[in-house]
Amino acid sequence: MKILIADDSRVMRQIVVRTLRQAGFGDHDLVEAADGKEAFELVNAEKPDVVISDWNMPHMTGIEVLRQLRAAGNNVKFGFVTSESTPEMKTAAEASGAEFFIVKPFTAERFDEVFAPILG
């Protein structure tokens, strides 16, 4: 499977990649986006199976990316790994079609719990 990791922090993208590997999902094809606009463009160009997105990013927020993808008819599996977590954010994510919501800091065990059903 192909996984797109969207976060404006290069360090955080690397942490997500490392945690995916620690959770046993290191054999997937990983693509990275440095902001929301790039994430939206890469979803259309790379056709990932899963998008792991930060909430707050320049140019387009993660929720804006998700909403625009859904408005365009794209049903890629999409979820958030974010440092902010309010009930309103979770409700907005679910209402927009997000499949998961992981709060930072996270662990390999949490990734396994969330991604095992998605990535197999």
N, C-alpha and C. Protein backbone atom coordinates (compact mmCIF):
# COMPACT_ATOMS: atom_id res chain seq x y z
N MET A 1 0.83 -1.19 0.00
CA MET A 1 0.00 0.00 0.00
C MET A 1 0.87 1.25 0.00
N LYS A 2 0.31 2.33 -0.50
CA LYS A 2 1.02 3.60 -0.50
C LYS A 2 0.39 4.50 0.57
N ILE A 3 1.26 5.11 1.39
CA ILE A 3 0.81 5.97 2.49
C ILE A 3 1.39 7.37 2.28
N LEU A 4 0.53 8.37 2.31
CA LEU A 4 0.97 9.76 2.24
C LEU A 4 0.97 10.35 3.65
N ILE A 5 2.11 10.90 4.04
CA ILE A 5 2.25 11.54 5.35
C ILE A 5 2.37 13.04 5.13
N ALA A 6 1.39 13.79 5.63
CA ALA A 6 1.35 15.24 5.42
C ALA A 6 1.52 15.96 6.75
N ASP A 7 2.62 16.69 6.85
CA ASP A 7 2.89 17.48 8.06
C ASP A 7 3.91 18.54 7.66
N ASP A 8 3.74 19.76 8.14
CA ASP A 8 4.67 20.82 7.79
C ASP A 8 5.99 20.69 8.54
N SER A 9 6.07 19.84 9.52
CA SER A 9 7.32 19.61 10.25
C SER A 9 8.01 18.36 9.69
N ARG A 10 9.20 18.57 9.13
CA ARG A 10 9.97 17.43 8.60
C ARG A 10 10.28 16.43 9.71
N VAL A 11 10.60 16.96 10.89
CA VAL A 11 10.90 16.09 12.03
C VAL A 11 9.68 15.23 12.38
N MET A 12 8.51 15.85 12.38
CA MET A 12 7.31 15.07 12.71
C MET A 12 7.02 14.02 11.65
N ARG A 13 7.25 14.35 10.38
CA ARG A 13 7.07 13.33 9.32
C ARG A 13 8.01 12.15 9.57
N GLN A 14 9.25 12.46 9.96
CA GLN A 14 10.21 11.40 10.24
C GLN A 14 9.77 10.57 11.45
N ILE A 15 9.20 11.21 12.45
CA ILE A 15 8.71 10.48 13.63
C ILE A 15 7.55 9.56 13.24
N VAL A 16 6.66 10.05 12.39
CA VAL A 16 5.55 9.22 11.92
C VAL A 16 6.09 8.02 11.14
N VAL A 17 7.06 8.26 10.26
CA VAL A 17 7.66 7.15 9.49
C VAL A 17 8.30 6.14 10.44
N ARG A 18 9.07 6.61 11.39
CA ARG A 18 9.73 5.71 12.34
C ARG A 18 8.70 4.92 13.15
N THR A 19 7.63 5.58 13.56
CA THR A 19 6.61 4.89 14.35
C THR A 19 5.86 3.87 13.51
N LEU A 20 5.62 4.19 12.24
CA LEU A 20 5.02 3.18 11.35
C LEU A 20 5.90 1.95 11.28
N ARG A 21 7.21 2.15 11.14
CA ARG A 21 8.15 1.02 11.07
C ARG A 21 8.14 0.24 12.37
N GLN A 22 8.15 0.95 13.51
CA GLN A 22 8.14 0.28 14.82
C GLN A 22 6.85 -0.53 15.01
N ALA A 23 5.78 -0.06 14.41
CA ALA A 23 4.50 -0.76 14.54
C ALA A 23 4.37 -1.90 13.53
N GLY A 24 5.38 -2.07 12.70
CA GLY A 24 5.37 -3.17 11.75
C GLY A 24 4.81 -2.85 10.39
N PHE A 25 4.71 -1.56 10.06
CA PHE A 25 4.17 -1.15 8.77
C PHE A 25 5.23 -0.48 7.89
N GLY A 26 6.49 -0.87 8.06
CA GLY A 26 7.58 -0.24 7.34
C GLY A 26 7.74 -0.68 5.91
N ASP A 27 7.01 -1.69 5.50
CA ASP A 27 7.19 -2.19 4.14
C ASP A 27 6.26 -1.52 3.13
N HIS A 28 5.53 -0.53 3.57
CA HIS A 28 4.64 0.19 2.66
C HIS A 28 5.39 1.32 1.97
N ASP A 29 4.90 1.74 0.83
CA ASP A 29 5.48 2.83 0.06
C ASP A 29 5.05 4.15 0.71
N LEU A 30 6.02 4.93 1.17
CA LEU A 30 5.71 6.17 1.90
C LEU A 30 6.03 7.39 1.05
N VAL A 31 5.08 8.33 1.03
CA VAL A 31 5.23 9.59 0.31
C VAL A 31 5.00 10.70 1.32
N GLU A 32 5.74 11.81 1.20
CA GLU A 32 5.60 12.89 2.18
C GLU A 32 5.18 14.19 1.52
N ALA A 33 4.34 14.95 2.25
CA ALA A 33 3.93 16.28 1.81
C ALA A 33 4.24 17.27 2.93
N ALA A 34 4.74 18.45 2.56
CA ALA A 34 5.18 19.44 3.54
C ALA A 34 4.11 20.47 3.90
N ASP A 35 2.97 20.42 3.25
CA ASP A 35 1.86 21.31 3.60
C ASP A 35 0.57 20.76 3.00
N GLY A 36 -0.54 21.41 3.32
CA GLY A 36 -1.82 20.91 2.88
C GLY A 36 -2.01 20.95 1.37
N LYS A 37 -1.53 22.00 0.74
CA LYS A 37 -1.68 22.12 -0.71
C LYS A 37 -0.92 20.99 -1.41
N GLU A 38 0.30 20.75 -0.95
CA GLU A 38 1.09 19.66 -1.54
C GLU A 38 0.41 18.32 -1.28
N ALA A 39 -0.15 18.15 -0.09
CA ALA A 39 -0.85 16.90 0.22
C ALA A 39 -2.01 16.68 -0.75
N PHE A 40 -2.80 17.72 -0.98
CA PHE A 40 -3.93 17.61 -1.90
C PHE A 40 -3.44 17.23 -3.30
N GLU A 41 -2.38 17.89 -3.76
CA GLU A 41 -1.85 17.60 -5.09
C GLU A 41 -1.29 16.18 -5.18
N LEU A 42 -0.59 15.74 -4.11
CA LEU A 42 0.01 14.40 -4.13
C LEU A 42 -1.06 13.29 -4.04
N VAL A 43 -2.15 13.57 -3.36
CA VAL A 43 -3.23 12.56 -3.34
C VAL A 43 -3.71 12.31 -4.76
N ASN A 44 -3.86 13.36 -5.52
CA ASN A 44 -4.32 13.21 -6.90
C ASN A 44 -3.24 12.62 -7.80
N ALA A 45 -1.98 12.96 -7.57
CA ALA A 45 -0.89 12.48 -8.43
C ALA A 45 -0.41 11.07 -8.05
N GLU A 46 -0.29 10.80 -6.76
CA GLU A 46 0.29 9.54 -6.29
C GLU A 46 -0.75 8.46 -5.99
N LYS A 47 -2.00 8.86 -5.81
CA LYS A 47 -3.10 7.94 -5.50
C LYS A 47 -2.76 7.02 -4.32
N PRO A 48 -2.45 7.61 -3.15
CA PRO A 48 -2.15 6.78 -1.98
C PRO A 48 -3.40 6.02 -1.52
N ASP A 49 -3.15 4.96 -0.75
CA ASP A 49 -4.25 4.19 -0.17
C ASP A 49 -4.71 4.80 1.15
N VAL A 50 -3.77 5.47 1.83
CA VAL A 50 -4.05 6.06 3.14
C VAL A 50 -3.33 7.41 3.23
N VAL A 51 -3.99 8.39 3.84
CA VAL A 51 -3.36 9.68 4.12
C VAL A 51 -3.35 9.87 5.63
N ILE A 52 -2.14 10.15 6.16
CA ILE A 52 -1.96 10.48 7.58
C ILE A 52 -1.60 11.96 7.60
N SER A 53 -2.49 12.78 8.13
CA SER A 53 -2.33 14.23 8.01
C SER A 53 -2.31 14.94 9.35
N ASP A 54 -1.48 15.96 9.42
CA ASP A 54 -1.53 16.89 10.54
C ASP A 54 -2.79 17.74 10.37
N TRP A 55 -3.25 18.34 11.43
CA TRP A 55 -4.44 19.20 11.34
C TRP A 55 -4.05 20.58 10.83
N ASN A 56 -3.03 21.17 11.48
CA ASN A 56 -2.61 22.55 11.15
C ASN A 56 -1.40 22.52 10.23
N MET A 57 -1.61 23.01 9.01
CA MET A 57 -0.53 23.11 8.03
C MET A 57 -0.73 24.38 7.22
N PRO A 58 0.36 24.92 6.65
CA PRO A 58 0.22 26.10 5.81
C PRO A 58 -0.52 25.78 4.50
N HIS A 59 -1.06 26.82 3.90
CA HIS A 59 -1.74 26.79 2.60
C HIS A 59 -3.11 26.10 2.66
N MET A 60 -3.21 24.94 3.24
CA MET A 60 -4.50 24.26 3.47
C MET A 60 -4.35 23.47 4.77
N THR A 61 -5.33 23.56 5.65
CA THR A 61 -5.28 22.74 6.85
C THR A 61 -5.64 21.29 6.46
N GLY A 62 -5.38 20.39 7.36
CA GLY A 62 -5.71 19.00 7.09
C GLY A 62 -7.19 18.79 6.85
N ILE A 63 -8.02 19.46 7.63
CA ILE A 63 -9.47 19.29 7.45
C ILE A 63 -9.92 19.89 6.11
N GLU A 64 -9.26 20.96 5.67
CA GLU A 64 -9.58 21.52 4.35
C GLU A 64 -9.20 20.53 3.25
N VAL A 65 -8.04 19.87 3.41
CA VAL A 65 -7.63 18.87 2.42
C VAL A 65 -8.68 17.76 2.36
N LEU A 66 -9.05 17.25 3.53
CA LEU A 66 -10.05 16.17 3.56
C LEU A 66 -11.36 16.61 2.91
N ARG A 67 -11.85 17.77 3.27
CA ARG A 67 -13.12 18.24 2.71
C ARG A 67 -13.05 18.43 1.20
N GLN A 68 -11.93 18.95 0.70
CA GLN A 68 -11.81 19.15 -0.75
C GLN A 68 -11.71 17.82 -1.48
N LEU A 69 -11.02 16.85 -0.86
CA LEU A 69 -10.94 15.53 -1.48
C LEU A 69 -12.33 14.90 -1.57
N ARG A 70 -13.08 14.97 -0.48
CA ARG A 70 -14.42 14.38 -0.48
C ARG A 70 -15.33 15.12 -1.46
N ALA A 71 -15.20 16.45 -1.53
CA ALA A 71 -16.02 17.22 -2.48
C ALA A 71 -15.71 16.84 -3.92
N ALA A 72 -14.46 16.40 -4.15
CA ALA A 72 -14.06 15.99 -5.50
C ALA A 72 -14.37 14.51 -5.76
N GLY A 73 -14.98 13.85 -4.76
CA GLY A 73 -15.34 12.45 -4.96
C GLY A 73 -14.24 11.47 -4.62
N ASN A 74 -13.15 11.95 -4.00
CA ASN A 74 -12.04 11.08 -3.63
C ASN A 74 -12.31 10.50 -2.24
N ASN A 75 -12.35 9.19 -2.13
CA ASN A 75 -12.64 8.53 -0.86
C ASN A 75 -11.43 7.84 -0.25
N VAL A 76 -10.23 8.36 -0.50
CA VAL A 76 -9.03 7.80 0.10
C VAL A 76 -9.20 7.73 1.62
N LYS A 77 -8.65 6.66 2.22
CA LYS A 77 -8.69 6.56 3.68
C LYS A 77 -7.84 7.68 4.25
N PHE A 78 -8.43 8.48 5.12
CA PHE A 78 -7.80 9.73 5.57
C PHE A 78 -8.00 9.85 7.07
N GLY A 79 -6.92 10.24 7.77
CA GLY A 79 -7.03 10.47 9.20
C GLY A 79 -5.99 11.46 9.68
N PHE A 80 -6.11 11.78 10.95
CA PHE A 80 -5.28 12.84 11.51
C PHE A 80 -4.35 12.33 12.60
N VAL A 81 -3.13 12.85 12.59
CA VAL A 81 -2.18 12.72 13.69
C VAL A 81 -1.87 14.15 14.08
N THR A 82 -2.37 14.57 15.22
CA THR A 82 -2.30 15.99 15.56
C THR A 82 -2.06 16.21 17.04
N SER A 83 -1.50 17.36 17.35
CA SER A 83 -1.24 17.69 18.76
C SER A 83 -2.46 18.31 19.42
N GLU A 84 -3.40 18.78 18.61
CA GLU A 84 -4.61 19.38 19.16
C GLU A 84 -5.75 18.36 19.10
N SER A 85 -6.54 18.37 20.13
CA SER A 85 -7.65 17.43 20.14
C SER A 85 -8.78 18.00 20.97
N THR A 86 -9.78 18.50 20.29
CA THR A 86 -10.98 18.97 20.98
C THR A 86 -12.15 18.13 20.49
N PRO A 87 -13.20 18.05 21.26
CA PRO A 87 -14.37 17.31 20.77
C PRO A 87 -14.88 17.88 19.45
N GLU A 88 -14.78 19.20 19.25
CA GLU A 88 -15.24 19.81 18.01
C GLU A 88 -14.39 19.34 16.82
N MET A 89 -13.08 19.24 17.04
CA MET A 89 -12.19 18.77 15.97
C MET A 89 -12.52 17.33 15.60
N LYS A 90 -12.70 16.49 16.60
CA LYS A 90 -13.02 15.08 16.33
C LYS A 90 -14.35 14.96 15.60
N THR A 91 -15.33 15.76 16.02
CA THR A 91 -16.64 15.73 15.36
C THR A 91 -16.52 16.19 13.91
N ALA A 92 -15.77 17.27 13.69
CA ALA A 92 -15.58 17.77 12.33
C ALA A 92 -14.85 16.74 11.47
N ALA A 93 -13.85 16.08 12.04
CA ALA A 93 -13.10 15.06 11.30
C ALA A 93 -14.02 13.91 10.91
N GLU A 94 -14.78 13.42 11.86
CA GLU A 94 -15.68 12.29 11.58
C GLU A 94 -16.75 12.69 10.56
N ALA A 95 -17.31 13.89 10.73
CA ALA A 95 -18.35 14.35 9.81
C ALA A 95 -17.82 14.52 8.39
N SER A 96 -16.52 14.78 8.27
CA SER A 96 -15.92 14.97 6.95
C SER A 96 -15.42 13.67 6.34
N GLY A 97 -15.49 12.59 7.13
CA GLY A 97 -15.10 11.29 6.57
C GLY A 97 -13.76 10.76 7.03
N ALA A 98 -13.19 11.34 8.09
CA ALA A 98 -11.91 10.83 8.61
C ALA A 98 -12.11 9.44 9.21
N GLU A 99 -11.11 8.60 9.03
CA GLU A 99 -11.20 7.22 9.54
C GLU A 99 -10.50 7.05 10.87
N PHE A 100 -9.61 7.97 11.22
CA PHE A 100 -8.92 7.85 12.50
C PHE A 100 -8.48 9.23 12.97
N PHE A 101 -8.20 9.30 14.26
CA PHE A 101 -7.76 10.56 14.88
C PHE A 101 -6.78 10.17 15.98
N ILE A 102 -5.50 10.42 15.77
CA ILE A 102 -4.45 10.05 16.73
C ILE A 102 -3.87 11.33 17.31
N VAL A 103 -3.80 11.39 18.64
CA VAL A 103 -3.28 12.57 19.31
C VAL A 103 -1.81 12.36 19.66
N LYS A 104 -1.00 13.40 19.39
CA LYS A 104 0.41 13.38 19.75
C LYS A 104 0.54 13.63 21.25
N PRO A 105 1.47 13.10 21.97
CA PRO A 105 2.43 12.10 21.50
C PRO A 105 1.75 10.74 21.34
N PHE A 106 2.27 9.96 20.40
CA PHE A 106 1.68 8.65 20.11
C PHE A 106 2.74 7.58 20.27
N THR A 107 2.29 6.35 20.24
CA THR A 107 3.21 5.22 20.42
C THR A 107 3.04 4.25 19.24
N ALA A 108 4.00 3.35 19.11
CA ALA A 108 3.89 2.30 18.09
C ALA A 108 2.67 1.43 18.37
N GLU A 109 2.36 1.23 19.63
CA GLU A 109 1.18 0.42 19.98
C GLU A 109 -0.10 1.10 19.50
N ARG A 110 -0.17 2.41 19.66
CA ARG A 110 -1.35 3.15 19.19
C ARG A 110 -1.46 3.06 17.67
N PHE A 111 -0.32 3.19 16.97
CA PHE A 111 -0.32 3.07 15.52
C PHE A 111 -0.79 1.68 15.11
N ASP A 112 -0.30 0.65 15.80
CA ASP A 112 -0.71 -0.71 15.48
C ASP A 112 -2.22 -0.86 15.66
N GLU A 113 -2.72 -0.33 16.75
CA GLU A 113 -4.16 -0.42 17.04
C GLU A 113 -4.99 0.24 15.93
N VAL A 114 -4.54 1.40 15.48
CA VAL A 114 -5.30 2.14 14.47
C VAL A 114 -5.08 1.60 13.06
N PHE A 115 -3.83 1.28 12.73
CA PHE A 115 -3.52 0.95 11.33
C PHE A 115 -3.63 -0.53 10.98
N ALA A 116 -3.61 -1.41 11.96
CA ALA A 116 -3.72 -2.84 11.64
C ALA A 116 -4.99 -3.15 10.85
N PRO A 117 -6.15 -2.62 11.25
CA PRO A 117 -7.35 -2.91 10.45
C PRO A 117 -7.32 -2.27 9.05
N ILE A 118 -6.57 -1.18 8.92
CA ILE A 118 -6.54 -0.45 7.65
C ILE A 118 -5.47 -1.02 6.71
N LEU A 119 -4.27 -1.27 7.28
CA LEU A 119 -3.13 -1.68 6.46
C LEU A 119 -2.94 -3.20 6.41
N GLY A 120 -3.57 -3.89 7.33
CA GLY A 120 -3.47 -5.34 7.35
C GLY A 120 -2.20 -5.87 7.92
